[in-house]
Amino acid sequence: AKLQNEILKWLVQTSAKPTKKRQGTKRASTSVQSKNTYYVQVDSFSKKPSKAYLNQIKKASLPYTLAKDSVYKVLVGPYSDEKKARVVLKQVKTRLNPKAFLTKI
């Protein structure tokens, strides 16, 4: 799990650039700046998630990013406060995926 988090941190730092896909969100995702950044991992896919799936996240007004290592990870965040991240985690579990979880990068 520690290696996975390090890989995820590296991916977010190197690939989190604002794109047209994120313009509809309230906050654009940014590079991870500290080790106390929380994300909600909504899901992971072997292939890039469909636009319809990503639109569900947009409709929920959640800032998201895709991180790719061996799989595509759909991450909602970042959140510097664990309490806020847990509130969003509850929303994600109810609206999008009951198996979503919190990850710290």
PDB file of N, CA and C in Angstrom:
ATOM      1  N   ALA A   1       0.824  -1.192   0.000  1.00  0.00           N
ATOM      2  CA  ALA A   1       0.000   0.000   0.000  1.00  0.00           C
ATOM      3  C   ALA A   1       0.869   1.258   0.000  1.00  0.00           C
ATOM      4  N   LYS A   2       2.008   1.203   0.709  1.00  0.00           N
ATOM      5  CA  LYS A   2       2.886   2.365   0.758  1.00  0.00           C
ATOM      6  C   LYS A   2       3.463   2.658  -0.627  1.00  0.00           C
ATOM      7  N   LEU A   3       3.887   1.608  -1.326  1.00  0.00           N
ATOM      8  CA  LEU A   3       4.421   1.778  -2.679  1.00  0.00           C
ATOM      9  C   LEU A   3       3.345   2.324  -3.607  1.00  0.00           C
ATOM     10  N   GLN A   4       2.133   1.797  -3.468  1.00  0.00           N
ATOM     11  CA  GLN A   4       1.024   2.274  -4.288  1.00  0.00           C
ATOM     12  C   GLN A   4       0.790   3.763  -4.055  1.00  0.00           C
ATOM     13  N   ASN A   5       0.822   4.206  -2.812  1.00  0.00           N
ATOM     14  CA  ASN A   5       0.625   5.622  -2.509  1.00  0.00           C
ATOM     15  C   ASN A   5       1.743   6.477  -3.076  1.00  0.00           C
ATOM     16  N   GLU A   6       2.985   5.983  -3.020  1.00  0.00           N
ATOM     17  CA  GLU A   6       4.111   6.728  -3.585  1.00  0.00           C
ATOM     18  C   GLU A   6       3.971   6.858  -5.100  1.00  0.00           C
ATOM     19  N   ILE A   7       3.554   5.779  -5.749  1.00  0.00           N
ATOM     20  CA  ILE A   7       3.347   5.813  -7.203  1.00  0.00           C
ATOM     21  C   ILE A   7       2.234   6.789  -7.534  1.00  0.00           C
ATOM     22  N   LEU A   8       1.148   6.712  -6.787  1.00  0.00           N
ATOM     23  CA  LEU A   8       0.015   7.604  -7.009  1.00  0.00           C
ATOM     24  C   LEU A   8       0.425   9.057  -6.810  1.00  0.00           C
ATOM     25  N   LYS A   9       1.220   9.327  -5.782  1.00  0.00           N
ATOM     26  CA  LYS A   9       1.701  10.685  -5.528  1.00  0.00           C
ATOM     27  C   LYS A   9       2.515  11.186  -6.716  1.00  0.00           C
ATOM     28  N   TRP A  10       3.418  10.342  -7.203  1.00  0.00           N
ATOM     29  CA  TRP A  10       4.239  10.716  -8.354  1.00  0.00           C
ATOM     30  C   TRP A  10       3.375  10.987  -9.578  1.00  0.00           C
ATOM     31  N   LEU A  11       2.385  10.137  -9.827  1.00  0.00           N
ATOM     32  CA  LEU A  11       1.520  10.322 -10.985  1.00  0.00           C
ATOM     33  C   LEU A  11       0.735  11.624 -10.912  1.00  0.00           C
ATOM     34  N   VAL A  12       0.200  11.903  -9.755  1.00  0.00           N
ATOM     35  CA  VAL A  12      -0.586  13.135  -9.602  1.00  0.00           C
ATOM     36  C   VAL A  12       0.312  14.350  -9.791  1.00  0.00           C
ATOM     37  N   GLN A  13       1.529  14.299  -9.272  1.00  0.00           N
ATOM     38  CA  GLN A  13       2.447  15.430  -9.398  1.00  0.00           C
ATOM     39  C   GLN A  13       2.851  15.654 -10.844  1.00  0.00           C
ATOM     40  N   THR A  14       3.046  14.585 -11.592  1.00  0.00           N
ATOM     41  CA  THR A  14       3.551  14.729 -12.958  1.00  0.00           C
ATOM     42  C   THR A  14       2.448  14.874 -13.999  1.00  0.00           C
ATOM     43  N   SER A  15       1.230  14.482 -13.665  1.00  0.00           N
ATOM     44  CA  SER A  15       0.194  14.505 -14.698  1.00  0.00           C
ATOM     45  C   SER A  15      -1.018  15.357 -14.366  1.00  0.00           C
ATOM     46  N   ALA A  16      -1.065  16.002 -13.216  1.00  0.00           N
ATOM     47  CA  ALA A  16      -2.236  16.788 -12.829  1.00  0.00           C
ATOM     48  C   ALA A  16      -2.144  18.195 -13.402  1.00  0.00           C
ATOM     49  N   LYS A  17      -2.493  18.324 -14.679  1.00  0.00           N
ATOM     50  CA  LYS A  17      -2.525  19.624 -15.329  1.00  0.00           C
ATOM     51  C   LYS A  17      -3.972  19.928 -15.683  1.00  0.00           C
ATOM     52  N   PRO A  18      -4.460  21.126 -15.432  1.00  0.00           N
ATOM     53  CA  PRO A  18      -5.837  21.456 -15.773  1.00  0.00           C
ATOM     54  C   PRO A  18      -6.097  21.235 -17.260  1.00  0.00           C
ATOM     55  N   THR A  19      -7.228  20.596 -17.535  1.00  0.00           N
ATOM     56  CA  THR A  19      -7.622  20.358 -18.919  1.00  0.00           C
ATOM     57  C   THR A  19      -9.052  20.821 -19.108  1.00  0.00           C
ATOM     58  N   LYS A  20      -9.497  20.782 -20.349  1.00  0.00           N
ATOM     59  CA  LYS A  20     -10.867  21.182 -20.635  1.00  0.00           C
ATOM     60  C   LYS A  20     -11.868  20.326 -19.876  1.00  0.00           C
ATOM     61  N   LYS A  21     -11.546  19.067 -19.628  1.00  0.00           N
ATOM     62  CA  LYS A  21     -12.446  18.180 -18.911  1.00  0.00           C
ATOM     63  C   LYS A  21     -12.756  18.688 -17.510  1.00  0.00           C
ATOM     64  N   ARG A  22     -11.827  19.391 -16.890  1.00  0.00           N
ATOM     65  CA  ARG A  22     -12.011  19.830 -15.512  1.00  0.00           C
ATOM     66  C   ARG A  22     -12.613  21.217 -15.404  1.00  0.00           C
ATOM     67  N   GLN A  23     -12.876  21.871 -16.506  1.00  0.00           N
ATOM     68  CA  GLN A  23     -13.402  23.229 -16.427  1.00  0.00           C
ATOM     69  C   GLN A  23     -14.788  23.274 -15.801  1.00  0.00           C
ATOM     70  N   GLY A  24     -15.546  22.197 -15.890  1.00  0.00           N
ATOM     71  CA  GLY A  24     -16.884  22.174 -15.327  1.00  0.00           C
ATOM     72  C   GLY A  24     -16.908  21.936 -13.830  1.00  0.00           C
ATOM     73  N   THR A  25     -15.782  21.651 -13.221  1.00  0.00           N
ATOM     74  CA  THR A  25     -15.750  21.392 -11.789  1.00  0.00           C
ATOM     75  C   THR A  25     -15.578  22.697 -11.029  1.00  0.00           C
ATOM     76  N   LYS A  26     -15.889  22.660  -9.758  1.00  0.00           N
ATOM     77  CA  LYS A  26     -15.772  23.859  -8.941  1.00  0.00           C
ATOM     78  C   LYS A  26     -14.329  24.252  -8.708  1.00  0.00           C
ATOM     79  N   ARG A  27     -13.452  23.248  -8.527  1.00  0.00           N
ATOM     80  CA  ARG A  27     -12.041  23.514  -8.302  1.00  0.00           C
ATOM     81  C   ARG A  27     -11.238  22.680  -9.276  1.00  0.00           C
ATOM     82  N   ALA A  28     -10.281  23.268  -9.903  1.00  0.00           N
ATOM     83  CA  ALA A  28      -9.397  22.506 -10.787  1.00  0.00           C
ATOM     84  C   ALA A  28      -8.405  21.744  -9.920  1.00  0.00           C
ATOM     85  N   SER A  29      -8.107  20.521 -10.325  1.00  0.00           N
ATOM     86  CA  SER A  29      -7.118  19.741  -9.589  1.00  0.00           C
ATOM     87  C   SER A  29      -5.737  20.333  -9.804  1.00  0.00           C
ATOM     88  N   THR A  30      -4.911  20.246  -8.788  1.00  0.00           N
ATOM     89  CA  THR A  30      -3.557  20.782  -8.868  1.00  0.00           C
ATOM     90  C   THR A  30      -2.580  19.709  -8.447  1.00  0.00           C
ATOM     91  N   SER A  31      -1.324  19.971  -8.654  1.00  0.00           N
ATOM     92  CA  SER A  31      -0.294  19.040  -8.226  1.00  0.00           C
ATOM     93  C   SER A  31      -0.290  18.932  -6.714  1.00  0.00           C
ATOM     94  N   VAL A  32       0.077  17.769  -6.248  1.00  0.00           N
ATOM     95  CA  VAL A  32       0.154  17.541  -4.816  1.00  0.00           C
ATOM     96  C   VAL A  32       1.373  18.267  -4.276  1.00  0.00           C
ATOM     97  N   GLN A  33       1.193  19.067  -3.236  1.00  0.00           N
ATOM     98  CA  GLN A  33       2.273  19.864  -2.683  1.00  0.00           C
ATOM     99  C   GLN A  33       2.773  19.345  -1.341  1.00  0.00           C
ATOM    100  N   SER A  34       1.973  18.535  -0.638  1.00  0.00           N
ATOM    101  CA  SER A  34       2.407  18.064   0.671  1.00  0.00           C
ATOM    102  C   SER A  34       1.977  16.622   0.870  1.00  0.00           C
ATOM    103  N   LYS A  35       2.466  16.028   1.933  1.00  0.00           N
ATOM    104  CA  LYS A  35       2.117  14.653   2.235  1.00  0.00           C
ATOM    105  C   LYS A  35       0.780  14.547   2.956  1.00  0.00           C
ATOM    106  N   ASN A  36       0.173  15.663   3.290  1.00  0.00           N
ATOM    107  CA  ASN A  36      -1.095  15.651   3.995  1.00  0.00           C
ATOM    108  C   ASN A  36      -2.252  16.002   3.074  1.00  0.00           C
ATOM    109  N   THR A  37      -2.241  15.431   1.894  1.00  0.00           N
ATOM    110  CA  THR A  37      -3.307  15.667   0.930  1.00  0.00           C
ATOM    111  C   THR A  37      -4.151  14.407   0.827  1.00  0.00           C
ATOM    112  N   TYR A  38      -5.460  14.588   0.911  1.00  0.00           N
ATOM    113  CA  TYR A  38      -6.392  13.468   0.870  1.00  0.00           C
ATOM    114  C   TYR A  38      -7.148  13.467  -0.452  1.00  0.00           C
ATOM    115  N   TYR A  39      -7.385  12.284  -0.957  1.00  0.00           N
ATOM    116  CA  TYR A  39      -8.209  12.074  -2.140  1.00  0.00           C
ATOM    117  C   TYR A  39      -9.199  10.964  -1.833  1.00  0.00           C
ATOM    118  N   VAL A  40     -10.328  11.001  -2.510  1.00  0.00           N
ATOM    119  CA  VAL A  40     -11.260   9.893  -2.477  1.00  0.00           C
ATOM    120  C   VAL A  40     -11.036   9.121  -3.774  1.00  0.00           C
ATOM    121  N   GLN A  41     -10.640   7.868  -3.666  1.00  0.00           N
ATOM    122  CA  GLN A  41     -10.511   7.056  -4.879  1.00  0.00           C
ATOM    123  C   GLN A  41     -11.879   6.472  -5.161  1.00  0.00           C
ATOM    124  N   VAL A  42     -12.473   6.941  -6.246  1.00  0.00           N
ATOM    125  CA  VAL A  42     -13.826   6.533  -6.610  1.00  0.00           C
ATOM    126  C   VAL A  42     -13.808   5.134  -7.203  1.00  0.00           C
ATOM    127  N   ASP A  43     -12.856   4.894  -8.088  1.00  0.00           N
ATOM    128  CA  ASP A  43     -12.796   3.613  -8.781  1.00  0.00           C
ATOM    129  C   ASP A  43     -11.470   3.505  -9.513  1.00  0.00           C
ATOM    130  N   SER A  44     -11.227   2.335 -10.087  1.00  0.00           N
ATOM    131  CA  SER A  44     -10.059   2.146 -10.944  1.00  0.00           C
ATOM    132  C   SER A  44     -10.489   1.291 -12.139  1.00  0.00           C
ATOM    133  N   PHE A  45      -9.829   1.525 -13.270  1.00  0.00           N
ATOM    134  CA  PHE A  45     -10.201   0.869 -14.517  1.00  0.00           C
ATOM    135  C   PHE A  45      -8.954   0.439 -15.278  1.00  0.00           C
ATOM    136  N   SER A  46      -9.066  -0.654 -16.014  1.00  0.00           N
ATOM    137  CA  SER A  46      -7.941  -1.077 -16.854  1.00  0.00           C
ATOM    138  C   SER A  46      -7.865  -0.216 -18.113  1.00  0.00           C
ATOM    139  N   LYS A  47      -9.015   0.311 -18.551  1.00  0.00           N
ATOM    140  CA  LYS A  47      -9.066   1.230 -19.691  1.00  0.00           C
ATOM    141  C   LYS A  47      -9.591   2.571 -19.199  1.00  0.00           C
ATOM    142  N   LYS A  48      -9.351   3.604 -19.980  1.00  0.00           N
ATOM    143  CA  LYS A  48      -9.810   4.943 -19.608  1.00  0.00           C
ATOM    144  C   LYS A  48     -11.323   4.924 -19.388  1.00  0.00           C
ATOM    145  N   PRO A  49     -11.800   5.511 -18.274  1.00  0.00           N
ATOM    146  CA  PRO A  49     -13.243   5.528 -18.008  1.00  0.00           C
ATOM    147  C   PRO A  49     -13.999   6.298 -19.086  1.00  0.00           C
ATOM    148  N   SER A  50     -15.228   5.903 -19.295  1.00  0.00           N
ATOM    149  CA  SER A  50     -16.059   6.532 -20.323  1.00  0.00           C
ATOM    150  C   SER A  50     -16.402   7.973 -19.946  1.00  0.00           C
ATOM    151  N   LYS A  51     -16.731   8.760 -20.955  1.00  0.00           N
ATOM    152  CA  LYS A  51     -17.150  10.148 -20.710  1.00  0.00           C
ATOM    153  C   LYS A  51     -18.420  10.176 -19.870  1.00  0.00           C
ATOM    154  N   ALA A  52     -19.314   9.212 -20.093  1.00  0.00           N
ATOM    155  CA  ALA A  52     -20.558   9.157 -19.331  1.00  0.00           C
ATOM    156  C   ALA A  52     -20.271   8.971 -17.842  1.00  0.00           C
ATOM    157  N   TYR A  53     -19.310   8.107 -17.527  1.00  0.00           N
ATOM    158  CA  TYR A  53     -18.940   7.880 -16.129  1.00  0.00           C
ATOM    159  C   TYR A  53     -18.361   9.153 -15.517  1.00  0.00           C
ATOM    160  N   LEU A  54     -17.447   9.794 -16.231  1.00  0.00           N
ATOM    161  CA  LEU A  54     -16.830  11.024 -15.723  1.00  0.00           C
ATOM    162  C   LEU A  54     -17.856  12.149 -15.604  1.00  0.00           C
ATOM    163  N   ASN A  55     -18.856  12.161 -16.484  1.00  0.00           N
ATOM    164  CA  ASN A  55     -19.914  13.164 -16.400  1.00  0.00           C
ATOM    165  C   ASN A  55     -20.746  13.001 -15.128  1.00  0.00           C
ATOM    166  N   GLN A  56     -20.876  11.771 -14.623  1.00  0.00           N
ATOM    167  CA  GLN A  56     -21.586  11.557 -13.353  1.00  0.00           C
ATOM    168  C   GLN A  56     -20.863  12.293 -12.223  1.00  0.00           C
ATOM    169  N   ILE A  57     -19.544  12.263 -12.271  1.00  0.00           N
ATOM    170  CA  ILE A  57     -18.760  12.938 -11.242  1.00  0.00           C
ATOM    171  C   ILE A  57     -18.902  14.454 -11.395  1.00  0.00           C
ATOM    172  N   LYS A  58     -18.873  14.923 -12.641  1.00  0.00           N
ATOM    173  CA  LYS A  58     -19.061  16.360 -12.898  1.00  0.00           C
ATOM    174  C   LYS A  58     -20.421  16.825 -12.395  1.00  0.00           C
ATOM    175  N   LYS A  59     -21.461  16.029 -12.661  1.00  0.00           N
ATOM    176  CA  LYS A  59     -22.814  16.405 -12.235  1.00  0.00           C
ATOM    177  C   LYS A  59     -22.911  16.506 -10.717  1.00  0.00           C
ATOM    178  N   ALA A  60     -22.080  15.752 -10.027  1.00  0.00           N
ATOM    179  CA  ALA A  60     -22.047  15.820  -8.567  1.00  0.00           C
ATOM    180  C   ALA A  60     -21.202  17.006  -8.082  1.00  0.00           C
ATOM    181  N   SER A  61     -20.682  17.799  -9.009  1.00  0.00           N
ATOM    182  CA  SER A  61     -19.848  18.979  -8.706  1.00  0.00           C
ATOM    183  C   SER A  61     -18.617  18.633  -7.873  1.00  0.00           C
ATOM    184  N   LEU A  62     -17.987  17.534  -8.225  1.00  0.00           N
ATOM    185  CA  LEU A  62     -16.792  17.095  -7.509  1.00  0.00           C
ATOM    186  C   LEU A  62     -15.553  17.293  -8.375  1.00  0.00           C
ATOM    187  N   PRO A  63     -14.502  17.907  -7.828  1.00  0.00           N
ATOM    188  CA  PRO A  63     -13.263  18.071  -8.591  1.00  0.00           C
ATOM    189  C   PRO A  63     -12.551  16.715  -8.670  1.00  0.00           C
ATOM    190  N   TYR A  64     -12.216  16.296  -9.875  1.00  0.00           N
ATOM    191  CA  TYR A  64     -11.588  14.987 -10.011  1.00  0.00           C
ATOM    192  C   TYR A  64     -10.375  15.064 -10.926  1.00  0.00           C
ATOM    193  N   THR A  65      -9.584  14.020 -10.851  1.00  0.00           N
ATOM    194  CA  THR A  65      -8.447  13.857 -11.746  1.00  0.00           C
ATOM    195  C   THR A  65      -8.291  12.374 -12.032  1.00  0.00           C
ATOM    196  N   LEU A  66      -7.677  12.062 -13.150  1.00  0.00           N
ATOM    197  CA  LEU A  66      -7.348  10.683 -13.489  1.00  0.00           C
ATOM    198  C   LEU A  66      -5.864  10.486 -13.257  1.00  0.00           C
ATOM    199  N   ALA A  67      -5.517   9.450 -12.542  1.00  0.00           N
ATOM    200  CA  ALA A  67      -4.112   9.093 -12.344  1.00  0.00           C
ATOM    201  C   ALA A  67      -3.913   7.733 -12.995  1.00  0.00           C
ATOM    202  N   LYS A  68      -2.860   7.611 -13.785  1.00  0.00           N
ATOM    203  CA  LYS A  68      -2.640   6.344 -14.477  1.00  0.00           C
ATOM    204  C   LYS A  68      -1.299   5.763 -14.076  1.00  0.00           C
ATOM    205  N   ASP A  69      -1.339   4.550 -13.550  1.00  0.00           N
ATOM    206  CA  ASP A  69      -0.128   3.757 -13.400  1.00  0.00           C
ATOM    207  C   ASP A  69      -0.409   2.471 -14.162  1.00  0.00           C
ATOM    208  N   SER A  70      -0.597   1.360 -13.513  1.00  0.00           N
ATOM    209  CA  SER A  70      -0.988   0.146 -14.234  1.00  0.00           C
ATOM    210  C   SER A  70      -2.485   0.164 -14.536  1.00  0.00           C
ATOM    211  N   VAL A  71      -3.223   1.036 -13.855  1.00  0.00           N
ATOM    212  CA  VAL A  71      -4.657   1.221 -14.089  1.00  0.00           C
ATOM    213  C   VAL A  71      -4.982   2.713 -14.029  1.00  0.00           C
ATOM    214  N   TYR A  72      -6.145   3.071 -14.518  1.00  0.00           N
ATOM    215  CA  TYR A  72      -6.639   4.445 -14.392  1.00  0.00           C
ATOM    216  C   TYR A  72      -7.359   4.553 -13.054  1.00  0.00           C
ATOM    217  N   LYS A  73      -6.950   5.503 -12.237  1.00  0.00           N
ATOM    218  CA  LYS A  73      -7.607   5.737 -10.952  1.00  0.00           C
ATOM    219  C   LYS A  73      -8.365   7.050 -11.031  1.00  0.00           C
ATOM    220  N   VAL A  74      -9.626   7.002 -10.648  1.00  0.00           N
ATOM    221  CA  VAL A  74     -10.450   8.203 -10.612  1.00  0.00           C
ATOM    222  C   VAL A  74     -10.395   8.730  -9.192  1.00  0.00           C
ATOM    223  N   LEU A  75      -9.783   9.918  -9.035  1.00  0.00           N
ATOM    224  CA  LEU A  75      -9.573  10.518  -7.720  1.00  0.00           C
ATOM    225  C   LEU A  75     -10.357  11.817  -7.595  1.00  0.00           C
ATOM    226  N   VAL A  76     -11.075  11.957  -6.505  1.00  0.00           N
ATOM    227  CA  VAL A  76     -11.798  13.194  -6.211  1.00  0.00           C
ATOM    228  C   VAL A  76     -10.986  13.933  -5.151  1.00  0.00           C
ATOM    229  N   GLY A  77     -10.752  15.201  -5.413  1.00  0.00           N
ATOM    230  CA  GLY A  77      -9.967  15.987  -4.470  1.00  0.00           C
ATOM    231  C   GLY A  77      -9.059  16.933  -5.215  1.00  0.00           C
ATOM    232  N   PRO A  78      -8.070  17.447  -4.602  1.00  0.00           N
ATOM    233  CA  PRO A  78      -7.485  17.131  -3.307  1.00  0.00           C
ATOM    234  C   PRO A  78      -8.158  17.871  -2.159  1.00  0.00           C
ATOM    235  N   TYR A  79      -7.995  17.315  -0.957  1.00  0.00           N
ATOM    236  CA  TYR A  79      -8.486  17.927   0.271  1.00  0.00           C
ATOM    237  C   TYR A  79      -7.341  17.936   1.281  1.00  0.00           C
ATOM    238  N   SER A  80      -7.100  19.072   1.894  1.00  0.00           N
ATOM    239  CA  SER A  80      -6.039  19.163   2.896  1.00  0.00           C
ATOM    240  C   SER A  80      -6.548  18.756   4.272  1.00  0.00           C
ATOM    241  N   ASP A  81      -7.859  18.723   4.434  1.00  0.00           N
ATOM    242  CA  ASP A  81      -8.496  18.408   5.706  1.00  0.00           C
ATOM    243  C   ASP A  81      -9.159  17.026   5.630  1.00  0.00           C
ATOM    244  N   GLU A  82      -8.756  16.118   6.498  1.00  0.00           N
ATOM    245  CA  GLU A  82      -9.311  14.761   6.487  1.00  0.00           C
ATOM    246  C   GLU A  82     -10.811  14.764   6.750  1.00  0.00           C
ATOM    247  N   LYS A  83     -11.268  15.666   7.609  1.00  0.00           N
ATOM    248  CA  LYS A  83     -12.689  15.738   7.938  1.00  0.00           C
ATOM    249  C   LYS A  83     -13.523  16.046   6.687  1.00  0.00           C
ATOM    250  N   LYS A  84     -13.074  17.024   5.904  1.00  0.00           N
ATOM    251  CA  LYS A  84     -13.771  17.379   4.662  1.00  0.00           C
ATOM    252  C   LYS A  84     -13.727  16.212   3.674  1.00  0.00           C
ATOM    253  N   ALA A  85     -12.588  15.555   3.598  1.00  0.00           N
ATOM    254  CA  ALA A  85     -12.455  14.410   2.691  1.00  0.00           C
ATOM    255  C   ALA A  85     -13.428  13.296   3.081  1.00  0.00           C
ATOM    256  N   ARG A  86     -13.616  13.081   4.360  1.00  0.00           N
ATOM    257  CA  ARG A  86     -14.547  12.039   4.810  1.00  0.00           C
ATOM    258  C   ARG A  86     -16.003  12.398   4.495  1.00  0.00           C
ATOM    259  N   VAL A  87     -16.334  13.686   4.550  1.00  0.00           N
ATOM    260  CA  VAL A  87     -17.682  14.126   4.165  1.00  0.00           C
ATOM    261  C   VAL A  87     -17.906  13.817   2.680  1.00  0.00           C
ATOM    262  N   VAL A  88     -16.911  14.131   1.855  1.00  0.00           N
ATOM    263  CA  VAL A  88     -17.010  13.859   0.415  1.00  0.00           C
ATOM    264  C   VAL A  88     -17.042  12.350   0.170  1.00  0.00           C
ATOM    265  N   LEU A  89     -16.286  11.589   0.934  1.00  0.00           N
ATOM    266  CA  LEU A  89     -16.286  10.132   0.795  1.00  0.00           C
ATOM    267  C   LEU A  89     -17.693   9.577   0.984  1.00  0.00           C
ATOM    268  N   LYS A  90     -18.424  10.084   1.970  1.00  0.00           N
ATOM    269  CA  LYS A  90     -19.805   9.633   2.189  1.00  0.00           C
ATOM    270  C   LYS A  90     -20.665   9.927   0.965  1.00  0.00           C
ATOM    271  N   GLN A  91     -20.503  11.128   0.388  1.00  0.00           N
ATOM    272  CA  GLN A  91     -21.259  11.492  -0.823  1.00  0.00           C
ATOM    273  C   GLN A  91     -20.937  10.537  -1.963  1.00  0.00           C
ATOM    274  N   VAL A  92     -19.650  10.286  -2.161  1.00  0.00           N
ATOM    275  CA  VAL A  92     -19.212   9.422  -3.260  1.00  0.00           C
ATOM    276  C   VAL A  92     -19.758   8.011  -3.077  1.00  0.00           C
ATOM    277  N   LYS A  93     -19.726   7.505  -1.845  1.00  0.00           N
ATOM    278  CA  LYS A  93     -20.237   6.158  -1.593  1.00  0.00           C
ATOM    279  C   LYS A  93     -21.734   6.070  -1.867  1.00  0.00           C
ATOM    280  N   THR A  94     -22.460   7.131  -1.565  1.00  0.00           N
ATOM    281  CA  THR A  94     -23.900   7.147  -1.789  1.00  0.00           C
ATOM    282  C   THR A  94     -24.243   7.332  -3.263  1.00  0.00           C
ATOM    283  N   ARG A  95     -23.564   8.253  -3.936  1.00  0.00           N
ATOM    284  CA  ARG A  95     -23.916   8.618  -5.306  1.00  0.00           C
ATOM    285  C   ARG A  95     -23.218   7.808  -6.395  1.00  0.00           C
ATOM    286  N   LEU A  96     -21.968   7.399  -6.141  1.00  0.00           N
ATOM    287  CA  LEU A  96     -21.169   6.848  -7.237  1.00  0.00           C
ATOM    288  C   LEU A  96     -20.693   5.410  -7.029  1.00  0.00           C
ATOM    289  N   ASN A  97     -20.085   5.143  -5.898  1.00  0.00           N
ATOM    290  CA  ASN A  97     -19.517   3.807  -5.686  1.00  0.00           C
ATOM    291  C   ASN A  97     -19.401   3.516  -4.190  1.00  0.00           C
ATOM    292  N   PRO A  98     -20.155   2.544  -3.709  1.00  0.00           N
ATOM    293  CA  PRO A  98     -20.102   2.230  -2.276  1.00  0.00           C
ATOM    294  C   PRO A  98     -18.745   1.665  -1.836  1.00  0.00           C
ATOM    295  N   LYS A  99     -17.898   1.288  -2.771  1.00  0.00           N
ATOM    296  CA  LYS A  99     -16.583   0.740  -2.429  1.00  0.00           C
ATOM    297  C   LYS A  99     -15.470   1.801  -2.486  1.00  0.00           C
ATOM    298  N   ALA A 100     -15.832   3.059  -2.683  1.00  0.00           N
ATOM    299  CA  ALA A 100     -14.844   4.141  -2.707  1.00  0.00           C
ATOM    300  C   ALA A 100     -14.130   4.207  -1.369  1.00  0.00           C
ATOM    301  N   PHE A 101     -12.909   4.741  -1.375  1.00  0.00           N
ATOM    302  CA  PHE A 101     -12.155   4.844  -0.138  1.00  0.00           C
ATOM    303  C   PHE A 101     -11.279   6.084  -0.145  1.00  0.00           C
ATOM    304  N   LEU A 102     -10.805   6.433   1.046  1.00  0.00           N
ATOM    305  CA  LEU A 102      -9.958   7.604   1.251  1.00  0.00           C
ATOM    306  C   LEU A 102      -8.503   7.189   1.110  1.00  0.00           C
ATOM    307  N   THR A 103      -7.723   8.004   0.417  1.00  0.00           N
ATOM    308  CA  THR A 103      -6.299   7.736   0.295  1.00  0.00           C
ATOM    309  C   THR A 103      -5.543   9.026   0.605  1.00  0.00           C
ATOM    310  N   LYS A 104      -4.420   8.877   1.278  1.00  0.00           N
ATOM    311  CA  LYS A 104      -3.604  10.020   1.678  1.00  0.00           C
ATOM    312  C   LYS A 104      -2.334  10.018   0.839  1.00  0.00           C
ATOM    313  N   ILE A 105      -2.050  11.154   0.232  1.00  0.00           N
ATOM    314  CA  ILE A 105      -0.876  11.255  -0.644  1.00  0.00           C
ATOM    315  C   ILE A 105       0.046  12.320  -0.096  1.00  0.00           C
TER     316      ILE A 105
END
